């Protein structure tokens, strides 16, 4: 993989979200949903879900919010949700992927189309931008929490567990995996004593774009509006924030 750091983008979004408690809960709800859909709602059998539940509790996320995300993933209560990904372009031609889980596709697509229009973007057709992203498992180890760890040690452990790549950044070691191997690799490394700052299956832009501060601000407004939509699970862009 290239030397681009996903952690750089994560930190950029976190800095913008830290003052917004609702944004933190929205991100946690997304992670709970994804982890539960992938490995089931039993935390004893699903290490990824257990990690997110612990994060949610540490963030003082209300129990009913946690349960709502799990119910949505399991279909409890007879609710039927469809997972739909919308594709489009934001300011400066930045590609945008919007992952949703909805019980009303017409409502969701109308709302998302309007959000794109509000900020000079446009919703595209299926496949119009998805080819610009790769789905990857992503694990980040905080180097400050493990000051004695060196790159060779992490690389050996990650590759032995089946990871595709390891990148060393100033703040973290970044481990990338195939999506279907993510849970097994996370579990193996967790059993070896590694603790992760981030652990998720995500979309990675193949060729991140550098855009102006003005365009970045407009893009952030689009992302914020999309993320305020209760049907939206995650938003990915090709911008190098």
C-alpha atoms as a PDB file:
ATOM      1  CA  UNK A   1       0.000   0.000   0.000  1.00  0.00           C
ATOM      2  CA  UNK A   2       1.014   3.622  -0.352  1.00  0.00           C
ATOM      3  CA  UNK A   3       2.450   5.605   2.509  1.00  0.00           C
ATOM      4  CA  UNK A   4      -0.826   7.489   2.992  1.00  0.00           C
ATOM      5  CA  UNK A   5      -2.008   7.343   6.605  1.00  0.00           C
ATOM      6  CA  UNK A   6      -5.647   6.656   7.381  1.00  0.00           C
ATOM      7  CA  UNK A   7      -4.867   7.817  10.919  1.00  0.00           C
ATOM      8  CA  UNK A   8      -4.270  11.319   9.560  1.00  0.00           C
ATOM      9  CA  UNK A   9      -7.853  11.431   8.278  1.00  0.00           C
ATOM     10  CA  UNK A  10      -9.253   9.832  11.434  1.00  0.00           C
ATOM     11  CA  UNK A  11      -7.601  12.467  13.577  1.00  0.00           C
ATOM     12  CA  UNK A  12      -8.834  15.236  11.314  1.00  0.00           C
ATOM     13  CA  UNK A  13     -12.423  14.052  11.698  1.00  0.00           C
ATOM     14  CA  UNK A  14     -12.034  13.431  15.430  1.00  0.00           C
ATOM     15  CA  UNK A  15     -10.829  16.969  16.029  1.00  0.00           C
ATOM     16  CA  UNK A  16     -13.939  18.272  14.281  1.00  0.00           C
ATOM     17  CA  UNK A  17     -16.220  15.898  16.213  1.00  0.00           C
ATOM     18  CA  UNK A  18     -14.849  16.024  19.739  1.00  0.00           C
ATOM     19  CA  UNK A  19     -17.031  18.998  20.653  1.00  0.00           C
ATOM     20  CA  UNK A  20     -20.119  17.209  19.318  1.00  0.00           C
ATOM     21  CA  UNK A  21     -21.196  14.443  21.647  1.00  0.00           C
ATOM     22  CA  UNK A  22     -23.913  13.340  19.249  1.00  0.00           C
ATOM     23  CA  UNK A  23     -21.265  12.748  16.576  1.00  0.00           C
ATOM     24  CA  UNK A  24     -19.320  10.492  18.919  1.00  0.00           C
ATOM     25  CA  UNK A  25     -22.438   8.436  19.650  1.00  0.00           C
ATOM     26  CA  UNK A  26     -23.261   8.284  15.931  1.00  0.00           C
ATOM     27  CA  UNK A  27     -19.824   6.859  15.172  1.00  0.00           C
ATOM     28  CA  UNK A  28     -20.138   4.350  18.008  1.00  0.00           C
ATOM     29  CA  UNK A  29     -23.614   3.322  16.823  1.00  0.00           C
ATOM     30  CA  UNK A  30     -22.165   2.691  13.364  1.00  0.00           C
ATOM     31  CA  UNK A  31     -19.316   0.597  14.770  1.00  0.00           C
ATOM     32  CA  UNK A  32     -21.714  -1.389  16.965  1.00  0.00           C
ATOM     33  CA  UNK A  33     -23.970  -2.101  13.997  1.00  0.00           C
ATOM     34  CA  UNK A  34     -21.129  -3.166  11.698  1.00  0.00           C
ATOM     35  CA  UNK A  35     -19.457  -5.368  14.318  1.00  0.00           C
ATOM     36  CA  UNK A  36     -22.758  -7.027  15.257  1.00  0.00           C
ATOM     37  CA  UNK A  37     -23.709  -7.642  11.617  1.00  0.00           C
ATOM     38  CA  UNK A  38     -20.313  -9.198  10.918  1.00  0.00           C
ATOM     39  CA  UNK A  39     -19.945 -11.441  13.957  1.00  0.00           C
ATOM     40  CA  UNK A  40     -23.236 -11.598  15.845  1.00  0.00           C
ATOM     41  CA  UNK A  41     -24.426  -9.837  18.992  1.00  0.00           C
ATOM     42  CA  UNK A  42     -22.783 -12.181  21.526  1.00  0.00           C
ATOM     43  CA  UNK A  43     -19.794 -10.232  22.864  1.00  0.00           C
ATOM     44  CA  UNK A  44     -18.253 -13.433  24.241  1.00  0.00           C
ATOM     45  CA  UNK A  45     -17.989 -14.725  20.683  1.00  0.00           C
ATOM     46  CA  UNK A  46     -17.382 -11.409  18.917  1.00  0.00           C
ATOM     47  CA  UNK A  47     -14.164  -9.649  19.956  1.00  0.00           C
ATOM     48  CA  UNK A  48     -14.791  -6.709  17.618  1.00  0.00           C
ATOM     49  CA  UNK A  49     -18.193  -6.046  19.146  1.00  0.00           C
ATOM     50  CA  UNK A  50     -16.811  -6.418  22.667  1.00  0.00           C
ATOM     51  CA  UNK A  51     -14.209  -3.723  21.928  1.00  0.00           C
ATOM     52  CA  UNK A  52     -16.834  -1.301  20.602  1.00  0.00           C
ATOM     53  CA  UNK A  53     -19.213  -1.942  23.510  1.00  0.00           C
ATOM     54  CA  UNK A  54     -16.385  -1.125  25.908  1.00  0.00           C
ATOM     55  CA  UNK A  55     -15.680   2.100  24.000  1.00  0.00           C
ATOM     56  CA  UNK A  56     -19.357   3.010  24.063  1.00  0.00           C
ATOM     57  CA  UNK A  57     -19.572   2.501  27.815  1.00  0.00           C
ATOM     58  CA  UNK A  58     -16.379   4.527  28.349  1.00  0.00           C
ATOM     59  CA  UNK A  59     -17.949   7.361  26.336  1.00  0.00           C
ATOM     60  CA  UNK A  60     -21.057   7.170  28.563  1.00  0.00           C
ATOM     61  CA  UNK A  61     -23.236   6.209  25.631  1.00  0.00           C
ATOM     62  CA  UNK A  62     -26.745   5.478  26.980  1.00  0.00           C
ATOM     63  CA  UNK A  63     -27.602   1.784  27.244  1.00  0.00           C
ATOM     64  CA  UNK A  64     -30.704   2.283  25.111  1.00  0.00           C
ATOM     65  CA  UNK A  65     -28.551   3.718  22.293  1.00  0.00           C
ATOM     66  CA  UNK A  66     -26.271   0.691  22.434  1.00  0.00           C
ATOM     67  CA  UNK A  67     -29.233  -1.692  22.434  1.00  0.00           C
ATOM     68  CA  UNK A  68     -30.890   0.172  19.536  1.00  0.00           C
ATOM     69  CA  UNK A  69     -27.800  -0.314  17.353  1.00  0.00           C
ATOM     70  CA  UNK A  70     -27.674  -4.025  18.238  1.00  0.00           C
ATOM     71  CA  UNK A  71     -31.403  -4.483  17.599  1.00  0.00           C
ATOM     72  CA  UNK A  72     -31.022  -2.802  14.216  1.00  0.00           C
ATOM     73  CA  UNK A  73     -28.223  -5.218  13.308  1.00  0.00           C
ATOM     74  CA  UNK A  74     -30.086  -8.309  14.501  1.00  0.00           C
ATOM     75  CA  UNK A  75     -33.507  -7.327  13.186  1.00  0.00           C
ATOM     76  CA  UNK A  76     -35.056  -7.535  16.638  1.00  0.00           C
ATOM     77  CA  UNK A  77     -38.669  -6.413  16.867  1.00  0.00           C
ATOM     78  CA  UNK A  78     -39.417  -7.426  13.304  1.00  0.00           C
ATOM     79  CA  UNK A  79     -37.771  -4.370  11.767  1.00  0.00           C
ATOM     80  CA  UNK A  80     -36.440  -4.957   8.273  1.00  0.00           C
ATOM     81  CA  UNK A  81     -33.530  -2.822   7.151  1.00  0.00           C
ATOM     82  CA  UNK A  82     -31.729  -2.806   3.832  1.00  0.00           C
ATOM     83  CA  UNK A  83     -28.097  -1.832   3.507  1.00  0.00           C
ATOM     84  CA  UNK A  84     -27.663   0.552   0.575  1.00  0.00           C
ATOM     85  CA  UNK A  85     -24.535   2.440  -0.502  1.00  0.00           C
ATOM     86  CA  UNK A  86     -24.952   5.738  -2.335  1.00  0.00           C
ATOM     87  CA  UNK A  87     -22.231   7.277  -4.470  1.00  0.00           C
ATOM     88  CA  UNK A  88     -21.632  10.837  -5.563  1.00  0.00           C
ATOM     89  CA  UNK A  89     -19.279  13.779  -5.875  1.00  0.00           C
ATOM     90  CA  UNK A  90     -18.776  16.639  -3.466  1.00  0.00           C
ATOM     91  CA  UNK A  91     -16.910  19.897  -3.866  1.00  0.00           C
ATOM     92  CA  UNK A  92     -13.760  19.931  -6.031  1.00  0.00           C
ATOM     93  CA  UNK A  93     -14.738  16.577  -7.535  1.00  0.00           C
ATOM     94  CA  UNK A  94     -14.118  14.618  -4.336  1.00  0.00           C
ATOM     95  CA  UNK A  95     -15.684  11.152  -4.516  1.00  0.00           C
ATOM     96  CA  UNK A  96     -18.117  10.355  -1.679  1.00  0.00           C
ATOM     97  CA  UNK A  97     -19.503   7.000  -0.529  1.00  0.00           C
ATOM     98  CA  UNK A  98     -22.445   6.930   1.867  1.00  0.00           C
ATOM     99  CA  UNK A  99     -23.308   3.643   3.581  1.00  0.00           C
ATOM    100  CA  UNK A 100     -26.844   3.419   4.933  1.00  0.00           C
ATOM    101  CA  UNK A 101     -29.208   1.027   6.657  1.00  0.00           C
ATOM    102  CA  UNK A 102     -32.796   1.962   5.979  1.00  0.00           C
ATOM    103  CA  UNK A 103     -36.377   0.760   6.273  1.00  0.00           C
ATOM    104  CA  UNK A 104     -37.496   3.296   3.653  1.00  0.00           C
ATOM    105  CA  UNK A 105     -35.251   3.630   0.591  1.00  0.00           C
ATOM    106  CA  UNK A 106     -37.297   6.422  -0.981  1.00  0.00           C
ATOM    107  CA  UNK A 107     -36.963   8.567   2.130  1.00  0.00           C
ATOM    108  CA  UNK A 108     -33.248   7.897   2.418  1.00  0.00           C
ATOM    109  CA  UNK A 109     -32.267   8.533  -1.193  1.00  0.00           C
ATOM    110  CA  UNK A 110     -34.291  11.762  -1.284  1.00  0.00           C
ATOM    111  CA  UNK A 111     -32.611  13.053   1.859  1.00  0.00           C
ATOM    112  CA  UNK A 112     -29.117  12.130   0.685  1.00  0.00           C
ATOM    113  CA  UNK A 113     -29.676  13.672  -2.759  1.00  0.00           C
ATOM    114  CA  UNK A 114     -30.757  16.925  -1.092  1.00  0.00           C
ATOM    115  CA  UNK A 115     -27.661  16.954   1.122  1.00  0.00           C
ATOM    116  CA  UNK A 116     -25.405  16.699  -1.917  1.00  0.00           C
ATOM    117  CA  UNK A 117     -27.311  19.537  -3.612  1.00  0.00           C
ATOM    118  CA  UNK A 118     -27.020  21.763  -0.551  1.00  0.00           C
ATOM    119  CA  UNK A 119     -23.227  21.838  -0.918  1.00  0.00           C
ATOM    120  CA  UNK A 120     -22.789  21.874  -4.677  1.00  0.00           C
ATOM    121  CA  UNK A 121     -22.399  18.119  -5.084  1.00  0.00           C
ATOM    122  CA  UNK A 122     -24.395  15.532  -6.956  1.00  0.00           C
ATOM    123  CA  UNK A 123     -25.566  12.001  -6.279  1.00  0.00           C
ATOM    124  CA  UNK A 124     -24.242   9.591  -8.896  1.00  0.00           C
ATOM    125  CA  UNK A 125     -25.180   6.166 -10.162  1.00  0.00           C
ATOM    126  CA  UNK A 126     -24.140   2.845  -8.660  1.00  0.00           C
ATOM    127  CA  UNK A 127     -20.490   2.175  -9.455  1.00  0.00           C
ATOM    128  CA  UNK A 128     -19.688   5.781 -10.345  1.00  0.00           C
ATOM    129  CA  UNK A 129     -17.138   6.248  -7.552  1.00  0.00           C
ATOM    130  CA  UNK A 130     -16.901   2.935  -5.652  1.00  0.00           C
ATOM    131  CA  UNK A 131     -13.976   1.826  -7.826  1.00  0.00           C
ATOM    132  CA  UNK A 132     -11.875   4.567  -6.212  1.00  0.00           C
ATOM    133  CA  UNK A 133     -11.978   2.815  -2.813  1.00  0.00           C
ATOM    134  CA  UNK A 134     -10.755  -0.474  -1.360  1.00  0.00           C
ATOM    135  CA  UNK A 135     -12.499  -2.198   1.545  1.00  0.00           C
ATOM    136  CA  UNK A 136      -9.933  -3.038   4.207  1.00  0.00           C
ATOM    137  CA  UNK A 137      -9.732  -4.099   7.803  1.00  0.00           C
ATOM    138  CA  UNK A 138      -7.911  -1.420   9.808  1.00  0.00           C
ATOM    139  CA  UNK A 139      -6.229  -1.618  13.219  1.00  0.00           C
ATOM    140  CA  UNK A 140      -4.304   1.215  14.884  1.00  0.00           C
ATOM    141  CA  UNK A 141      -1.977   0.721  17.867  1.00  0.00           C
ATOM    142  CA  UNK A 142      -1.168   3.847  19.864  1.00  0.00           C
ATOM    143  CA  UNK A 143       2.620   4.053  20.062  1.00  0.00           C
ATOM    144  CA  UNK A 144       2.551   6.202  23.192  1.00  0.00           C
ATOM    145  CA  UNK A 145       0.691   3.435  25.043  1.00  0.00           C
ATOM    146  CA  UNK A 146       3.325   0.903  23.936  1.00  0.00           C
ATOM    147  CA  UNK A 147       6.624   2.842  23.984  1.00  0.00           C
ATOM    148  CA  UNK A 148       8.773  -0.296  23.904  1.00  0.00           C
ATOM    149  CA  UNK A 149       7.192  -1.634  20.710  1.00  0.00           C
ATOM    150  CA  UNK A 150       9.259  -1.334  17.552  1.00  0.00           C
ATOM    151  CA  UNK A 151       8.236  -1.602  13.918  1.00  0.00           C
ATOM    152  CA  UNK A 152       9.833  -5.014  13.367  1.00  0.00           C
ATOM    153  CA  UNK A 153       7.997  -6.565  16.324  1.00  0.00           C
ATOM    154  CA  UNK A 154       4.597  -5.265  15.210  1.00  0.00           C
ATOM    155  CA  UNK A 155       5.277  -6.202  11.590  1.00  0.00           C
ATOM    156  CA  UNK A 156       6.204  -9.769  12.502  1.00  0.00           C
ATOM    157  CA  UNK A 157       3.198 -10.211  14.796  1.00  0.00           C
ATOM    158  CA  UNK A 158       0.775  -8.720  12.274  1.00  0.00           C
ATOM    159  CA  UNK A 159       2.049 -10.718   9.313  1.00  0.00           C
ATOM    160  CA  UNK A 160       2.099 -13.923  11.359  1.00  0.00           C
ATOM    161  CA  UNK A 161      -1.553 -13.251  12.193  1.00  0.00           C
ATOM    162  CA  UNK A 162      -2.345 -12.856   8.484  1.00  0.00           C
ATOM    163  CA  UNK A 163      -2.316  -9.062   7.967  1.00  0.00           C
ATOM    164  CA  UNK A 164      -1.625  -7.588   4.531  1.00  0.00           C
ATOM    165  CA  UNK A 165       0.471  -4.592   5.520  1.00  0.00           C
ATOM    166  CA  UNK A 166       1.813  -2.522   8.417  1.00  0.00           C
ATOM    167  CA  UNK A 167       2.646   1.183   8.269  1.00  0.00           C
ATOM    168  CA  UNK A 168       4.491   3.097  10.959  1.00  0.00           C
ATOM    169  CA  UNK A 169       3.356   6.645  11.707  1.00  0.00           C
ATOM    170  CA  UNK A 170       4.510   9.085  14.378  1.00  0.00           C
ATOM    171  CA  UNK A 171       1.509   8.341  16.601  1.00  0.00           C
ATOM    172  CA  UNK A 172       0.435   4.830  15.641  1.00  0.00           C
ATOM    173  CA  UNK A 173       1.248   1.539  13.980  1.00  0.00           C
ATOM    174  CA  UNK A 174      -1.374   0.971  11.261  1.00  0.00           C
ATOM    175  CA  UNK A 175      -2.283  -2.594  10.329  1.00  0.00           C
ATOM    176  CA  UNK A 176      -4.307  -3.389   7.199  1.00  0.00           C
ATOM    177  CA  UNK A 177      -6.107  -6.667   6.578  1.00  0.00           C
ATOM    178  CA  UNK A 178      -8.434  -8.303   4.081  1.00  0.00           C
ATOM    179  CA  UNK A 179     -12.024  -7.617   5.228  1.00  0.00           C
ATOM    180  CA  UNK A 180     -12.869 -11.290   5.709  1.00  0.00           C
ATOM    181  CA  UNK A 181      -9.721 -11.821   7.804  1.00  0.00           C
ATOM    182  CA  UNK A 182     -10.235  -8.793  10.055  1.00  0.00           C
ATOM    183  CA  UNK A 183     -11.933 -10.463  13.011  1.00  0.00           C
ATOM    184  CA  UNK A 184      -9.503 -13.389  13.121  1.00  0.00           C
ATOM    185  CA  UNK A 185      -6.478 -11.088  12.974  1.00  0.00           C
ATOM    186  CA  UNK A 186      -7.902  -8.702  15.551  1.00  0.00           C
ATOM    187  CA  UNK A 187      -8.618 -11.640  17.846  1.00  0.00           C
ATOM    188  CA  UNK A 188      -5.141 -13.139  17.416  1.00  0.00           C
ATOM    189  CA  UNK A 189      -3.379  -9.845  18.116  1.00  0.00           C
ATOM    190  CA  UNK A 190      -5.667  -9.086  21.062  1.00  0.00           C
ATOM    191  CA  UNK A 191      -4.801 -12.449  22.599  1.00  0.00           C
ATOM    192  CA  UNK A 192      -1.123 -11.508  22.206  1.00  0.00           C
ATOM    193  CA  UNK A 193      -1.735  -8.415  24.353  1.00  0.00           C
ATOM    194  CA  UNK A 194      -2.163  -5.714  21.732  1.00  0.00           C
ATOM    195  CA  UNK A 195      -4.744  -3.000  22.420  1.00  0.00           C
ATOM    196  CA  UNK A 196      -6.183  -0.978  19.548  1.00  0.00           C
ATOM    197  CA  UNK A 197      -6.980   2.698  19.355  1.00  0.00           C
ATOM    198  CA  UNK A 198      -9.122   1.987  16.283  1.00  0.00           C
ATOM    199  CA  UNK A 199     -10.396  -1.322  14.902  1.00  0.00           C
ATOM    200  CA  UNK A 200     -12.826  -1.428  12.000  1.00  0.00           C
ATOM    201  CA  UNK A 201     -13.576  -2.601   8.493  1.00  0.00           C
ATOM    202  CA  UNK A 202     -13.548   0.546   6.408  1.00  0.00           C
ATOM    203  CA  UNK A 203     -13.143   2.027   2.948  1.00  0.00           C
ATOM    204  CA  UNK A 204      -9.714   3.345   1.960  1.00  0.00           C
ATOM    205  CA  UNK A 205      -9.333   5.843  -0.873  1.00  0.00           C
ATOM    206  CA  UNK A 206      -6.859   4.571  -3.490  1.00  0.00           C
ATOM    207  CA  UNK A 207      -5.658   8.047  -4.465  1.00  0.00           C
ATOM    208  CA  UNK A 208      -6.450  10.645  -1.773  1.00  0.00           C
ATOM    209  CA  UNK A 209      -6.914  14.190  -3.100  1.00  0.00           C
ATOM    210  CA  UNK A 210      -5.500  17.351  -1.573  1.00  0.00           C
ATOM    211  CA  UNK A 211      -8.062  20.160  -1.772  1.00  0.00           C
ATOM    212  CA  UNK A 212      -8.123  23.789  -0.678  1.00  0.00           C
ATOM    213  CA  UNK A 213      -9.146  24.829   2.839  1.00  0.00           C
ATOM    214  CA  UNK A 214     -12.278  26.433   1.420  1.00  0.00           C
ATOM    215  CA  UNK A 215     -13.277  23.253  -0.396  1.00  0.00           C
ATOM    216  CA  UNK A 216     -12.415  21.183   2.675  1.00  0.00           C
ATOM    217  CA  UNK A 217     -14.733  23.301   4.808  1.00  0.00           C
ATOM    218  CA  UNK A 218     -17.569  22.848   2.314  1.00  0.00           C
ATOM    219  CA  UNK A 219     -16.922  19.096   2.181  1.00  0.00           C
ATOM    220  CA  UNK A 220     -16.993  18.893   5.982  1.00  0.00           C
ATOM    221  CA  UNK A 221     -20.387  20.600   5.969  1.00  0.00           C
ATOM    222  CA  UNK A 222     -21.685  17.989   3.523  1.00  0.00           C
ATOM    223  CA  UNK A 223     -20.280  15.157   5.650  1.00  0.00           C
ATOM    224  CA  UNK A 224     -21.797  16.654   8.802  1.00  0.00           C
ATOM    225  CA  UNK A 225     -25.236  16.891   7.215  1.00  0.00           C
ATOM    226  CA  UNK A 226     -25.030  13.342   5.893  1.00  0.00           C
ATOM    227  CA  UNK A 227     -23.910  11.982   9.256  1.00  0.00           C
ATOM    228  CA  UNK A 228     -26.848  13.687  10.981  1.00  0.00           C
ATOM    229  CA  UNK A 229     -29.158  11.453   8.943  1.00  0.00           C
ATOM    230  CA  UNK A 230     -30.238   8.545  11.177  1.00  0.00           C
ATOM    231  CA  UNK A 231     -30.127   6.158   8.213  1.00  0.00           C
ATOM    232  CA  UNK A 232     -26.453   6.864   7.504  1.00  0.00           C
ATOM    233  CA  UNK A 233     -23.894   4.432   8.890  1.00  0.00           C
ATOM    234  CA  UNK A 234     -20.700   5.930   7.488  1.00  0.00           C
ATOM    235  CA  UNK A 235     -19.383   8.468   4.990  1.00  0.00           C
ATOM    236  CA  UNK A 236     -16.109   8.003   3.107  1.00  0.00           C
ATOM    237  CA  UNK A 237     -14.380  10.449   0.774  1.00  0.00           C
ATOM    238  CA  UNK A 238     -11.248  10.622  -1.359  1.00  0.00           C
ATOM    239  CA  UNK A 239     -10.186  13.902   0.295  1.00  0.00           C
ATOM    240  CA  UNK A 240      -6.900  13.880   2.174  1.00  0.00           C
ATOM    241  CA  UNK A 241      -8.084  15.860   5.195  1.00  0.00           C
END
